Amino acid sequence: MIKPRHDIANVKRTIADYFQKQVDVTVNLGRNKVLMFCGKLSGVYPALFTVEPDDKNFLGKTSYSYAEVLCGSVSVKPAKEANPS
């Protein structure tokens, strides 16, 4: 039996480390459709987390479950510094 490398608890800890920080979010919508945006991780809850997009005209879903991250349909990474000093 193959042992999984990740579990929900590991995903929750990783997401909790990004709380109140800028993140890059990539969402796989299926059929070769990918949505990418930057935002601030604004909420961490037991079953889901929320991201507040930087673009105020953004009309997409901004709450995601940890299972979506575990399955690979959502990817959350710390934002890259645009102006390193």
N, C-alpha and C. Protein backbone atom coordinates (compact mmCIF):
# COMPACT_ATOMS: atom_id res chain seq x y z
N MET A 1 0.84 -1.18 0.00
CA MET A 1 0.00 0.00 0.00
C MET A 1 0.88 1.24 0.00
N ILE A 2 0.53 2.21 -0.82
CA ILE A 2 1.28 3.45 -0.92
C ILE A 2 0.81 4.39 0.19
N LYS A 3 1.76 4.91 0.95
CA LYS A 3 1.43 5.82 2.04
C LYS A 3 1.32 7.24 1.50
N PRO A 4 0.20 7.95 1.76
CA PRO A 4 0.07 9.32 1.26
C PRO A 4 1.06 10.25 1.96
N ARG A 5 1.60 11.21 1.21
CA ARG A 5 2.58 12.16 1.74
C ARG A 5 1.90 13.31 2.46
N HIS A 6 0.67 13.61 2.10
CA HIS A 6 -0.03 14.75 2.68
C HIS A 6 -1.34 14.29 3.29
N ASP A 7 -1.79 15.01 4.27
CA ASP A 7 -3.11 14.77 4.83
C ASP A 7 -3.76 16.11 5.15
N ILE A 8 -5.02 16.07 5.52
CA ILE A 8 -5.77 17.31 5.76
C ILE A 8 -5.11 18.13 6.87
N ALA A 9 -4.64 17.50 7.92
CA ALA A 9 -4.02 18.23 9.04
C ALA A 9 -2.79 18.99 8.57
N ASN A 10 -2.00 18.38 7.70
CA ASN A 10 -0.80 19.03 7.16
C ASN A 10 -1.20 20.24 6.30
N VAL A 11 -2.24 20.09 5.49
CA VAL A 11 -2.72 21.19 4.65
C VAL A 11 -3.24 22.33 5.52
N LYS A 12 -3.98 22.01 6.59
CA LYS A 12 -4.51 23.05 7.48
C LYS A 12 -3.38 23.83 8.15
N ARG A 13 -2.32 23.13 8.59
CA ARG A 13 -1.19 23.82 9.21
C ARG A 13 -0.49 24.74 8.22
N THR A 14 -0.31 24.27 7.00
CA THR A 14 0.35 25.08 5.98
C THR A 14 -0.46 26.34 5.67
N ILE A 15 -1.77 26.18 5.49
CA ILE A 15 -2.64 27.32 5.20
C ILE A 15 -2.66 28.29 6.39
N ALA A 16 -2.70 27.76 7.60
CA ALA A 16 -2.72 28.62 8.80
C ALA A 16 -1.45 29.46 8.90
N ASP A 17 -0.32 28.96 8.39
CA ASP A 17 0.92 29.73 8.40
C ASP A 17 0.84 30.96 7.49
N TYR A 18 -0.05 30.93 6.48
CA TYR A 18 -0.18 32.04 5.54
C TYR A 18 -1.23 33.06 5.99
N PHE A 19 -1.84 32.89 7.16
CA PHE A 19 -2.92 33.77 7.63
C PHE A 19 -2.47 35.22 7.68
N GLN A 20 -3.30 36.11 7.12
CA GLN A 20 -3.06 37.55 7.04
C GLN A 20 -1.84 37.91 6.19
N LYS A 21 -1.45 37.03 5.27
CA LYS A 21 -0.33 37.30 4.37
C LYS A 21 -0.82 37.29 2.93
N GLN A 22 -0.04 37.89 2.06
CA GLN A 22 -0.34 37.89 0.63
C GLN A 22 -0.03 36.50 0.06
N VAL A 23 -0.95 35.98 -0.74
CA VAL A 23 -0.78 34.66 -1.34
C VAL A 23 -1.13 34.71 -2.83
N ASP A 24 -0.57 33.78 -3.58
CA ASP A 24 -0.94 33.57 -4.97
C ASP A 24 -1.82 32.33 -5.01
N VAL A 25 -3.01 32.45 -5.60
CA VAL A 25 -3.97 31.35 -5.66
C VAL A 25 -4.14 30.92 -7.11
N THR A 26 -4.08 29.63 -7.34
CA THR A 26 -4.33 29.06 -8.66
C THR A 26 -5.47 28.05 -8.52
N VAL A 27 -6.53 28.24 -9.30
CA VAL A 27 -7.70 27.37 -9.23
C VAL A 27 -7.88 26.69 -10.58
N ASN A 28 -7.92 25.36 -10.58
CA ASN A 28 -8.16 24.59 -11.79
C ASN A 28 -9.67 24.40 -11.92
N LEU A 29 -10.26 25.04 -12.94
CA LEU A 29 -11.70 25.00 -13.15
C LEU A 29 -12.13 23.86 -14.07
N GLY A 30 -11.18 23.10 -14.59
CA GLY A 30 -11.51 22.01 -15.50
C GLY A 30 -11.53 22.46 -16.94
N ARG A 31 -11.45 21.51 -17.85
CA ARG A 31 -11.45 21.78 -19.29
C ARG A 31 -10.46 22.86 -19.68
N ASN A 32 -9.25 22.74 -19.17
CA ASN A 32 -8.13 23.64 -19.47
C ASN A 32 -8.40 25.10 -19.08
N LYS A 33 -9.24 25.30 -18.09
CA LYS A 33 -9.50 26.64 -17.57
C LYS A 33 -8.81 26.78 -16.22
N VAL A 34 -7.96 27.79 -16.11
CA VAL A 34 -7.22 28.03 -14.88
C VAL A 34 -7.41 29.48 -14.48
N LEU A 35 -7.73 29.71 -13.23
CA LEU A 35 -7.90 31.05 -12.69
C LEU A 35 -6.77 31.33 -11.71
N MET A 36 -6.06 32.44 -11.92
CA MET A 36 -4.95 32.80 -11.03
C MET A 36 -5.18 34.22 -10.54
N PHE A 37 -4.97 34.43 -9.24
CA PHE A 37 -5.09 35.77 -8.68
C PHE A 37 -4.26 35.87 -7.41
N CYS A 38 -4.00 37.12 -7.02
CA CYS A 38 -3.28 37.40 -5.78
C CYS A 38 -4.28 37.97 -4.79
N GLY A 39 -4.03 37.70 -3.52
CA GLY A 39 -4.91 38.22 -2.49
C GLY A 39 -4.35 37.98 -1.12
N LYS A 40 -5.13 38.36 -0.12
CA LYS A 40 -4.72 38.21 1.27
C LYS A 40 -5.56 37.10 1.89
N LEU A 41 -4.92 36.15 2.55
CA LEU A 41 -5.63 35.07 3.23
C LEU A 41 -6.32 35.69 4.44
N SER A 42 -7.62 35.89 4.35
CA SER A 42 -8.33 36.67 5.36
C SER A 42 -9.00 35.85 6.44
N GLY A 43 -9.22 34.57 6.22
CA GLY A 43 -9.89 33.76 7.23
C GLY A 43 -9.47 32.32 7.18
N VAL A 44 -9.27 31.73 8.35
CA VAL A 44 -8.94 30.31 8.46
C VAL A 44 -9.97 29.70 9.42
N TYR A 45 -10.76 28.76 8.92
CA TYR A 45 -11.83 28.14 9.68
C TYR A 45 -11.63 26.63 9.70
N PRO A 46 -12.37 25.90 10.54
CA PRO A 46 -12.16 24.45 10.63
C PRO A 46 -12.36 23.69 9.31
N ALA A 47 -13.29 24.12 8.47
CA ALA A 47 -13.58 23.38 7.25
C ALA A 47 -13.13 24.08 5.97
N LEU A 48 -12.84 25.39 6.06
CA LEU A 48 -12.46 26.12 4.85
C LEU A 48 -11.62 27.33 5.21
N PHE A 49 -11.11 27.99 4.16
CA PHE A 49 -10.37 29.24 4.34
C PHE A 49 -10.83 30.22 3.27
N THR A 50 -10.65 31.52 3.54
CA THR A 50 -11.10 32.53 2.60
C THR A 50 -9.93 33.40 2.17
N VAL A 51 -10.00 33.85 0.93
CA VAL A 51 -8.97 34.71 0.36
C VAL A 51 -9.66 35.98 -0.14
N GLU A 52 -9.15 37.14 0.26
CA GLU A 52 -9.69 38.42 -0.20
C GLU A 52 -8.85 38.89 -1.38
N PRO A 53 -9.39 38.85 -2.60
CA PRO A 53 -8.61 39.23 -3.78
C PRO A 53 -8.20 40.70 -3.74
N ASP A 54 -7.02 41.00 -4.31
CA ASP A 54 -6.55 42.38 -4.39
C ASP A 54 -7.42 43.21 -5.33
N ASP A 55 -7.94 42.58 -6.39
CA ASP A 55 -8.79 43.27 -7.36
C ASP A 55 -10.22 43.34 -6.82
N LYS A 56 -10.73 44.52 -6.59
CA LYS A 56 -12.08 44.69 -6.03
C LYS A 56 -13.18 44.30 -7.01
N ASN A 57 -12.86 44.22 -8.30
CA ASN A 57 -13.85 43.83 -9.32
C ASN A 57 -13.88 42.32 -9.54
N PHE A 58 -13.15 41.57 -8.75
CA PHE A 58 -13.07 40.12 -8.88
C PHE A 58 -14.41 39.50 -8.55
N LEU A 59 -14.92 38.66 -9.43
CA LEU A 59 -16.24 38.07 -9.24
C LEU A 59 -16.19 36.56 -9.01
N GLY A 60 -15.06 36.05 -8.57
CA GLY A 60 -14.92 34.61 -8.39
C GLY A 60 -15.17 34.17 -6.96
N LYS A 61 -15.10 32.87 -6.77
CA LYS A 61 -15.27 32.27 -5.46
C LYS A 61 -14.02 32.56 -4.63
N THR A 62 -14.19 32.98 -3.40
CA THR A 62 -13.03 33.31 -2.59
C THR A 62 -12.93 32.46 -1.32
N SER A 63 -13.75 31.43 -1.18
CA SER A 63 -13.60 30.50 -0.07
C SER A 63 -13.35 29.11 -0.65
N TYR A 64 -12.42 28.41 -0.04
CA TYR A 64 -12.00 27.11 -0.55
C TYR A 64 -11.88 26.14 0.61
N SER A 65 -12.13 24.87 0.34
CA SER A 65 -11.98 23.85 1.38
C SER A 65 -10.56 23.29 1.33
N TYR A 66 -10.15 22.73 2.44
CA TYR A 66 -8.82 22.13 2.51
C TYR A 66 -8.73 20.90 1.60
N ALA A 67 -9.87 20.24 1.38
CA ALA A 67 -9.88 19.08 0.49
C ALA A 67 -9.56 19.48 -0.95
N GLU A 68 -9.97 20.69 -1.37
CA GLU A 68 -9.64 21.16 -2.72
C GLU A 68 -8.14 21.33 -2.88
N VAL A 69 -7.47 21.78 -1.82
CA VAL A 69 -6.01 21.92 -1.86
C VAL A 69 -5.37 20.54 -1.89
N LEU A 70 -5.89 19.63 -1.07
CA LEU A 70 -5.34 18.27 -1.00
C LEU A 70 -5.49 17.55 -2.33
N CYS A 71 -6.60 17.75 -3.01
CA CYS A 71 -6.85 17.09 -4.30
C CYS A 71 -6.10 17.75 -5.45
N GLY A 72 -5.64 18.97 -5.26
CA GLY A 72 -4.87 19.63 -6.30
C GLY A 72 -5.66 20.57 -7.18
N SER A 73 -6.95 20.76 -6.90
CA SER A 73 -7.72 21.68 -7.74
C SER A 73 -7.48 23.13 -7.34
N VAL A 74 -6.94 23.37 -6.14
CA VAL A 74 -6.59 24.71 -5.67
C VAL A 74 -5.16 24.67 -5.15
N SER A 75 -4.37 25.67 -5.54
CA SER A 75 -3.00 25.78 -5.06
C SER A 75 -2.82 27.15 -4.42
N VAL A 76 -2.26 27.17 -3.20
CA VAL A 76 -2.04 28.42 -2.47
C VAL A 76 -0.56 28.48 -2.12
N LYS A 77 0.08 29.56 -2.55
CA LYS A 77 1.51 29.75 -2.29
C LYS A 77 1.73 31.17 -1.79
N PRO A 78 2.78 31.39 -1.00
CA PRO A 78 3.07 32.77 -0.58
C PRO A 78 3.38 33.62 -1.80
N ALA A 79 2.93 34.87 -1.78
CA ALA A 79 3.16 35.77 -2.90
C ALA A 79 4.63 36.12 -3.02
N LYS A 80 5.08 36.21 -4.25
CA LYS A 80 6.47 36.61 -4.48
C LYS A 80 6.58 38.10 -4.29
N GLU A 81 7.66 38.54 -3.71
CA GLU A 81 7.90 39.96 -3.51
C GLU A 81 8.14 40.63 -4.85
N ALA A 82 7.35 41.64 -5.15
CA ALA A 82 7.51 42.35 -6.43
C ALA A 82 8.69 43.29 -6.40
N ASN A 83 9.01 43.82 -5.22
CA ASN A 83 10.10 44.78 -5.09
C ASN A 83 10.99 44.40 -3.90
N PRO A 84 11.88 43.39 -4.07
CA PRO A 84 12.71 43.00 -2.94
C PRO A 84 13.70 44.09 -2.57
N SER A 85 13.88 44.32 -1.26
CA SER A 85 14.85 45.33 -0.82
C SER A 85 15.77 44.78 0.23
